[in-house]
């Protein structure tokens, strides 16, 4: 829906439509670094997560990391590799950040929402080790530009895009400056898009009352 962000529970498929004020635009910035989530680093991350998850399952009966706590993970730290610990910590804390982001949006606390975006990127970069220098550069530049509330990597990682929450009045200038500074730093020209949440696709026949 327009001016809404969807919070989807992928276990129950229940969802909330959270308010995203009209004063905010979502800017997508492409690092132009191609990635593949089918092999390589992503496959390694999956193996590391599953190994850590197996320890939590055996110790605490946690089938899914969404049901585990950081305290439980810490208790199992000596029973898994350092890589598995970090990967699992990212997932557990990211789930908590999503719930905190929900509270922030419902309270119209955009600075808090922006800080959570940055924390999410830091965790994806450091604990999950799934960012790359170009994406980190995009985020770092964005956070120093006027109107930026928050920025983070999005998608499977190892390249791809960042998502940026930017004040509407500053969005066009934000794109210009981000592209210019990113090209200066990397010699890569980024594709950037200013977007806003809109109503989803509709069944036109049903909407028109056609059988």
C-alpha atoms as a PDB file:
ATOM      1  CA  UNK A   1       0.000   0.000   0.000  1.00  0.00           C
ATOM      2  CA  UNK A   2       1.015   3.597  -0.503  1.00  0.00           C
ATOM      3  CA  UNK A   3       3.148   5.057   2.286  1.00  0.00           C
ATOM      4  CA  UNK A   4       3.468   1.696   3.981  1.00  0.00           C
ATOM      5  CA  UNK A   5       6.298  -0.728   4.643  1.00  0.00           C
ATOM      6  CA  UNK A   6       5.415  -4.406   4.926  1.00  0.00           C
ATOM      7  CA  UNK A   7       6.627  -6.473   7.852  1.00  0.00           C
ATOM      8  CA  UNK A   8       6.195 -10.102   6.808  1.00  0.00           C
ATOM      9  CA  UNK A   9       6.415 -13.084   9.143  1.00  0.00           C
ATOM     10  CA  UNK A  10       7.689 -15.775   6.783  1.00  0.00           C
ATOM     11  CA  UNK A  11       6.679 -18.569   9.173  1.00  0.00           C
ATOM     12  CA  UNK A  12       3.012 -17.667   9.588  1.00  0.00           C
ATOM     13  CA  UNK A  13       2.769 -15.420   6.489  1.00  0.00           C
ATOM     14  CA  UNK A  14       1.064 -12.822   8.662  1.00  0.00           C
ATOM     15  CA  UNK A  15       2.021  -9.243   7.902  1.00  0.00           C
ATOM     16  CA  UNK A  16       1.784  -5.705   9.209  1.00  0.00           C
ATOM     17  CA  UNK A  17       1.593  -2.591   7.040  1.00  0.00           C
ATOM     18  CA  UNK A  18       3.701  -0.023   8.852  1.00  0.00           C
ATOM     19  CA  UNK A  19       3.575   3.731   8.260  1.00  0.00           C
ATOM     20  CA  UNK A  20       6.346   5.209   6.119  1.00  0.00           C
ATOM     21  CA  UNK A  21       5.787   8.980   6.065  1.00  0.00           C
ATOM     22  CA  UNK A  22       5.422  10.832   2.784  1.00  0.00           C
ATOM     23  CA  UNK A  23       8.378  12.968   3.877  1.00  0.00           C
ATOM     24  CA  UNK A  24      10.620   9.929   3.209  1.00  0.00           C
ATOM     25  CA  UNK A  25      11.740   8.500  -0.106  1.00  0.00           C
ATOM     26  CA  UNK A  26      13.498   5.172  -0.548  1.00  0.00           C
ATOM     27  CA  UNK A  27      16.564   5.520  -2.767  1.00  0.00           C
ATOM     28  CA  UNK A  28      18.050   2.378  -4.295  1.00  0.00           C
ATOM     29  CA  UNK A  29      21.722   2.647  -5.248  1.00  0.00           C
ATOM     30  CA  UNK A  30      23.375  -0.055  -7.331  1.00  0.00           C
ATOM     31  CA  UNK A  31      27.051  -0.662  -6.593  1.00  0.00           C
ATOM     32  CA  UNK A  32      27.255  -2.264 -10.055  1.00  0.00           C
ATOM     33  CA  UNK A  33      29.101  -5.189  -8.453  1.00  0.00           C
ATOM     34  CA  UNK A  34      27.386  -8.349  -9.629  1.00  0.00           C
ATOM     35  CA  UNK A  35      26.836 -11.154  -7.178  1.00  0.00           C
ATOM     36  CA  UNK A  36      25.643 -14.722  -7.210  1.00  0.00           C
ATOM     37  CA  UNK A  37      23.816 -16.184  -4.218  1.00  0.00           C
ATOM     38  CA  UNK A  38      23.844 -19.666  -5.704  1.00  0.00           C
ATOM     39  CA  UNK A  39      27.469 -20.454  -4.971  1.00  0.00           C
ATOM     40  CA  UNK A  40      30.663 -19.176  -3.429  1.00  0.00           C
ATOM     41  CA  UNK A  41      30.429 -17.007  -0.325  1.00  0.00           C
ATOM     42  CA  UNK A  42      26.691 -17.386   0.090  1.00  0.00           C
ATOM     43  CA  UNK A  43      26.971 -21.158   0.119  1.00  0.00           C
ATOM     44  CA  UNK A  44      29.686 -20.927   2.762  1.00  0.00           C
ATOM     45  CA  UNK A  45      27.496 -18.673   4.906  1.00  0.00           C
ATOM     46  CA  UNK A  46      24.639 -21.153   4.705  1.00  0.00           C
ATOM     47  CA  UNK A  47      26.901 -23.995   5.847  1.00  0.00           C
ATOM     48  CA  UNK A  48      28.227 -21.895   8.722  1.00  0.00           C
ATOM     49  CA  UNK A  49      24.726 -20.905   9.830  1.00  0.00           C
ATOM     50  CA  UNK A  50      23.425 -24.464   9.685  1.00  0.00           C
ATOM     51  CA  UNK A  51      26.361 -25.724  11.750  1.00  0.00           C
ATOM     52  CA  UNK A  52      25.651 -23.136  14.446  1.00  0.00           C
ATOM     53  CA  UNK A  53      21.941 -23.813  14.291  1.00  0.00           C
ATOM     54  CA  UNK A  54      22.586 -27.523  14.877  1.00  0.00           C
ATOM     55  CA  UNK A  55      24.391 -26.696  18.123  1.00  0.00           C
ATOM     56  CA  UNK A  56      21.523 -24.506  19.328  1.00  0.00           C
ATOM     57  CA  UNK A  57      19.042 -27.217  18.399  1.00  0.00           C
ATOM     58  CA  UNK A  58      20.931 -29.849  20.368  1.00  0.00           C
ATOM     59  CA  UNK A  59      21.497 -27.605  23.378  1.00  0.00           C
ATOM     60  CA  UNK A  60      18.248 -25.643  23.621  1.00  0.00           C
ATOM     61  CA  UNK A  61      15.839 -27.273  21.175  1.00  0.00           C
ATOM     62  CA  UNK A  62      15.781 -24.182  18.920  1.00  0.00           C
ATOM     63  CA  UNK A  63      14.721 -25.333  15.481  1.00  0.00           C
ATOM     64  CA  UNK A  64      15.050 -21.829  14.032  1.00  0.00           C
ATOM     65  CA  UNK A  65      17.424 -18.998  14.867  1.00  0.00           C
ATOM     66  CA  UNK A  66      14.458 -16.648  15.175  1.00  0.00           C
ATOM     67  CA  UNK A  67      13.553 -18.531  18.357  1.00  0.00           C
ATOM     68  CA  UNK A  68      17.048 -18.321  19.876  1.00  0.00           C
ATOM     69  CA  UNK A  69      18.490 -15.507  21.979  1.00  0.00           C
ATOM     70  CA  UNK A  70      21.929 -13.937  21.942  1.00  0.00           C
ATOM     71  CA  UNK A  71      22.392 -15.252  25.478  1.00  0.00           C
ATOM     72  CA  UNK A  72      21.752 -18.822  24.326  1.00  0.00           C
ATOM     73  CA  UNK A  73      24.143 -18.341  21.441  1.00  0.00           C
ATOM     74  CA  UNK A  74      26.816 -17.037  23.805  1.00  0.00           C
ATOM     75  CA  UNK A  75      26.334 -20.135  25.983  1.00  0.00           C
ATOM     76  CA  UNK A  76      27.132 -22.302  22.943  1.00  0.00           C
ATOM     77  CA  UNK A  77      30.062 -20.245  21.701  1.00  0.00           C
ATOM     78  CA  UNK A  78      32.672 -22.826  22.608  1.00  0.00           C
ATOM     79  CA  UNK A  79      30.799 -25.563  20.755  1.00  0.00           C
ATOM     80  CA  UNK A  80      30.894 -23.974  17.299  1.00  0.00           C
ATOM     81  CA  UNK A  81      33.403 -22.297  15.035  1.00  0.00           C
ATOM     82  CA  UNK A  82      34.013 -18.590  15.312  1.00  0.00           C
ATOM     83  CA  UNK A  83      32.495 -18.147  11.862  1.00  0.00           C
ATOM     84  CA  UNK A  84      29.305 -19.985  12.823  1.00  0.00           C
ATOM     85  CA  UNK A  85      28.972 -17.898  15.972  1.00  0.00           C
ATOM     86  CA  UNK A  86      29.229 -14.630  14.053  1.00  0.00           C
ATOM     87  CA  UNK A  87      26.853 -15.710  11.290  1.00  0.00           C
ATOM     88  CA  UNK A  88      24.232 -16.815  13.793  1.00  0.00           C
ATOM     89  CA  UNK A  89      24.674 -13.649  15.831  1.00  0.00           C
ATOM     90  CA  UNK A  90      23.930 -11.581  12.753  1.00  0.00           C
ATOM     91  CA  UNK A  91      20.676 -13.426  12.110  1.00  0.00           C
ATOM     92  CA  UNK A  92      19.499 -13.321  15.716  1.00  0.00           C
ATOM     93  CA  UNK A  93      20.277  -9.636  16.147  1.00  0.00           C
ATOM     94  CA  UNK A  94      18.835  -8.782  12.721  1.00  0.00           C
ATOM     95  CA  UNK A  95      15.519 -10.351  13.717  1.00  0.00           C
ATOM     96  CA  UNK A  96      15.566  -8.187  16.853  1.00  0.00           C
ATOM     97  CA  UNK A  97      16.367  -5.089  14.792  1.00  0.00           C
ATOM     98  CA  UNK A  98      13.380  -5.736  12.531  1.00  0.00           C
ATOM     99  CA  UNK A  99      11.065  -5.767  15.543  1.00  0.00           C
ATOM    100  CA  UNK A 100      12.700  -2.602  16.873  1.00  0.00           C
ATOM    101  CA  UNK A 101      12.259  -0.979  13.468  1.00  0.00           C
ATOM    102  CA  UNK A 102       8.547  -1.765  13.666  1.00  0.00           C
ATOM    103  CA  UNK A 103       8.344   0.063  16.986  1.00  0.00           C
ATOM    104  CA  UNK A 104      10.286   2.994  15.566  1.00  0.00           C
ATOM    105  CA  UNK A 105       7.969   3.402  12.583  1.00  0.00           C
ATOM    106  CA  UNK A 106       4.836   3.096  14.712  1.00  0.00           C
ATOM    107  CA  UNK A 107       6.241   5.791  17.004  1.00  0.00           C
ATOM    108  CA  UNK A 108       7.242   7.973  14.016  1.00  0.00           C
ATOM    109  CA  UNK A 109      10.822   7.832  15.317  1.00  0.00           C
ATOM    110  CA  UNK A 110      12.696   8.156  12.042  1.00  0.00           C
ATOM    111  CA  UNK A 111      16.134   8.827  13.596  1.00  0.00           C
ATOM    112  CA  UNK A 112      15.844   5.554  15.492  1.00  0.00           C
ATOM    113  CA  UNK A 113      14.751   3.774  12.323  1.00  0.00           C
ATOM    114  CA  UNK A 114      17.780   5.180  10.504  1.00  0.00           C
ATOM    115  CA  UNK A 115      20.188   4.052  13.213  1.00  0.00           C
ATOM    116  CA  UNK A 116      18.767   0.546  12.989  1.00  0.00           C
ATOM    117  CA  UNK A 117      19.424   0.541   9.235  1.00  0.00           C
ATOM    118  CA  UNK A 118      23.057   1.447   9.870  1.00  0.00           C
ATOM    119  CA  UNK A 119      23.376  -1.179  12.601  1.00  0.00           C
ATOM    120  CA  UNK A 120      21.953  -3.739  10.185  1.00  0.00           C
ATOM    121  CA  UNK A 121      24.577  -2.877   7.600  1.00  0.00           C
ATOM    122  CA  UNK A 122      27.374  -3.063  10.149  1.00  0.00           C
ATOM    123  CA  UNK A 123      26.205  -6.504  11.232  1.00  0.00           C
ATOM    124  CA  UNK A 124      25.895  -7.723   7.638  1.00  0.00           C
ATOM    125  CA  UNK A 125      29.402  -6.442   6.955  1.00  0.00           C
ATOM    126  CA  UNK A 126      31.163  -7.601  10.115  1.00  0.00           C
ATOM    127  CA  UNK A 127      29.259 -10.588  11.525  1.00  0.00           C
ATOM    128  CA  UNK A 128      27.876 -12.067   8.316  1.00  0.00           C
ATOM    129  CA  UNK A 129      30.854 -10.906   6.223  1.00  0.00           C
ATOM    130  CA  UNK A 130      28.635 -10.503   3.161  1.00  0.00           C
ATOM    131  CA  UNK A 131      29.294  -6.952   2.057  1.00  0.00           C
ATOM    132  CA  UNK A 132      32.031  -5.686  -0.257  1.00  0.00           C
ATOM    133  CA  UNK A 133      34.182  -2.524  -0.435  1.00  0.00           C
ATOM    134  CA  UNK A 134      32.012  -0.881  -3.080  1.00  0.00           C
ATOM    135  CA  UNK A 135      28.792  -1.358  -1.118  1.00  0.00           C
ATOM    136  CA  UNK A 136      30.473  -0.149   2.072  1.00  0.00           C
ATOM    137  CA  UNK A 137      31.607   2.940   0.170  1.00  0.00           C
ATOM    138  CA  UNK A 138      28.055   3.663  -0.982  1.00  0.00           C
ATOM    139  CA  UNK A 139      26.786   3.447   2.585  1.00  0.00           C
ATOM    140  CA  UNK A 140      29.588   5.582   3.994  1.00  0.00           C
ATOM    141  CA  UNK A 141      29.031   8.311   1.400  1.00  0.00           C
ATOM    142  CA  UNK A 142      25.253   8.251   1.873  1.00  0.00           C
ATOM    143  CA  UNK A 143      25.477   8.744   5.622  1.00  0.00           C
ATOM    144  CA  UNK A 144      27.349  12.023   5.124  1.00  0.00           C
ATOM    145  CA  UNK A 145      24.860  13.480   2.637  1.00  0.00           C
ATOM    146  CA  UNK A 146      22.099  15.914   3.486  1.00  0.00           C
ATOM    147  CA  UNK A 147      18.728  14.331   4.099  1.00  0.00           C
ATOM    148  CA  UNK A 148      19.940  10.772   4.651  1.00  0.00           C
ATOM    149  CA  UNK A 149      18.217   9.109   7.580  1.00  0.00           C
ATOM    150  CA  UNK A 150      19.750   5.639   7.164  1.00  0.00           C
ATOM    151  CA  UNK A 151      21.515   3.404   4.665  1.00  0.00           C
ATOM    152  CA  UNK A 152      22.305  -0.285   4.406  1.00  0.00           C
ATOM    153  CA  UNK A 153      23.055  -3.158   2.072  1.00  0.00           C
ATOM    154  CA  UNK A 154      20.026  -5.020   0.758  1.00  0.00           C
ATOM    155  CA  UNK A 155      19.526  -8.418  -0.825  1.00  0.00           C
ATOM    156  CA  UNK A 156      21.843 -11.401  -0.607  1.00  0.00           C
ATOM    157  CA  UNK A 157      25.052  -9.435  -0.246  1.00  0.00           C
ATOM    158  CA  UNK A 158      28.474  -9.763  -1.905  1.00  0.00           C
ATOM    159  CA  UNK A 159      27.634  -6.788  -4.129  1.00  0.00           C
ATOM    160  CA  UNK A 160      24.311  -5.539  -5.384  1.00  0.00           C
ATOM    161  CA  UNK A 161      22.440  -2.563  -3.982  1.00  0.00           C
ATOM    162  CA  UNK A 162      22.000  -0.370  -0.974  1.00  0.00           C
ATOM    163  CA  UNK A 163      18.696   0.986   0.270  1.00  0.00           C
ATOM    164  CA  UNK A 164      18.619   4.513   1.676  1.00  0.00           C
ATOM    165  CA  UNK A 165      15.934   6.366   3.601  1.00  0.00           C
ATOM    166  CA  UNK A 166      16.132   9.991   2.489  1.00  0.00           C
ATOM    167  CA  UNK A 167      14.039  13.081   3.185  1.00  0.00           C
ATOM    168  CA  UNK A 168      11.813  13.750   0.204  1.00  0.00           C
ATOM    169  CA  UNK A 169      12.973  17.324  -0.337  1.00  0.00           C
ATOM    170  CA  UNK A 170      16.602  16.179  -0.512  1.00  0.00           C
ATOM    171  CA  UNK A 171      16.158  13.011  -2.569  1.00  0.00           C
ATOM    172  CA  UNK A 172      17.134  14.322  -6.008  1.00  0.00           C
ATOM    173  CA  UNK A 173      20.222  16.132  -4.726  1.00  0.00           C
ATOM    174  CA  UNK A 174      21.087  13.056  -2.676  1.00  0.00           C
ATOM    175  CA  UNK A 175      21.134  10.938  -5.836  1.00  0.00           C
ATOM    176  CA  UNK A 176      23.317  13.420  -7.705  1.00  0.00           C
ATOM    177  CA  UNK A 177      25.833  13.694  -4.895  1.00  0.00           C
ATOM    178  CA  UNK A 178      25.894   9.980  -4.175  1.00  0.00           C
ATOM    179  CA  UNK A 179      26.580   9.117  -7.804  1.00  0.00           C
ATOM    180  CA  UNK A 180      29.254  11.794  -8.121  1.00  0.00           C
ATOM    181  CA  UNK A 181      31.112  10.906  -4.937  1.00  0.00           C
ATOM    182  CA  UNK A 182      30.854   7.168  -5.571  1.00  0.00           C
ATOM    183  CA  UNK A 183      32.304   7.571  -9.061  1.00  0.00           C
ATOM    184  CA  UNK A 184      35.128   9.689  -7.653  1.00  0.00           C
ATOM    185  CA  UNK A 185      35.922   7.021  -5.071  1.00  0.00           C
ATOM    186  CA  UNK A 186      35.561   3.892  -7.221  1.00  0.00           C
ATOM    187  CA  UNK A 187      35.500   5.027 -10.870  1.00  0.00           C
ATOM    188  CA  UNK A 188      32.119   3.276 -11.117  1.00  0.00           C
ATOM    189  CA  UNK A 189      28.914   5.029 -12.179  1.00  0.00           C
ATOM    190  CA  UNK A 190      26.059   3.914  -9.956  1.00  0.00           C
ATOM    191  CA  UNK A 191      22.467   3.483 -11.100  1.00  0.00           C
ATOM    192  CA  UNK A 192      20.210   5.156  -8.524  1.00  0.00           C
ATOM    193  CA  UNK A 193      16.422   5.229  -8.284  1.00  0.00           C
ATOM    194  CA  UNK A 194      14.143   7.349  -6.110  1.00  0.00           C
ATOM    195  CA  UNK A 195      11.119   5.316  -5.086  1.00  0.00           C
ATOM    196  CA  UNK A 196       8.169   5.498  -2.718  1.00  0.00           C
ATOM    197  CA  UNK A 197       5.828   2.765  -1.481  1.00  0.00           C
ATOM    198  CA  UNK A 198       2.782   2.414  -3.729  1.00  0.00           C
ATOM    199  CA  UNK A 199      -0.275   0.219  -3.958  1.00  0.00           C
ATOM    200  CA  UNK A 200       0.552  -3.268  -5.183  1.00  0.00           C
ATOM    201  CA  UNK A 201      -0.666  -4.974  -8.338  1.00  0.00           C
ATOM    202  CA  UNK A 202      -4.402  -5.451  -8.630  1.00  0.00           C
ATOM    203  CA  UNK A 203      -6.520  -7.919 -10.570  1.00  0.00           C
ATOM    204  CA  UNK A 204      -7.961  -5.450 -13.039  1.00  0.00           C
ATOM    205  CA  UNK A 205     -10.920  -7.628 -13.996  1.00  0.00           C
ATOM    206  CA  UNK A 206     -11.933  -8.037 -10.383  1.00  0.00           C
ATOM    207  CA  UNK A 207     -11.475  -4.339  -9.709  1.00  0.00           C
ATOM    208  CA  UNK A 208     -13.661  -3.475 -12.684  1.00  0.00           C
ATOM    209  CA  UNK A 209     -16.335  -5.918 -11.570  1.00  0.00           C
ATOM    210  CA  UNK A 210     -15.784  -8.190 -14.568  1.00  0.00           C
ATOM    211  CA  UNK A 211     -16.515 -11.871 -13.912  1.00  0.00           C
END
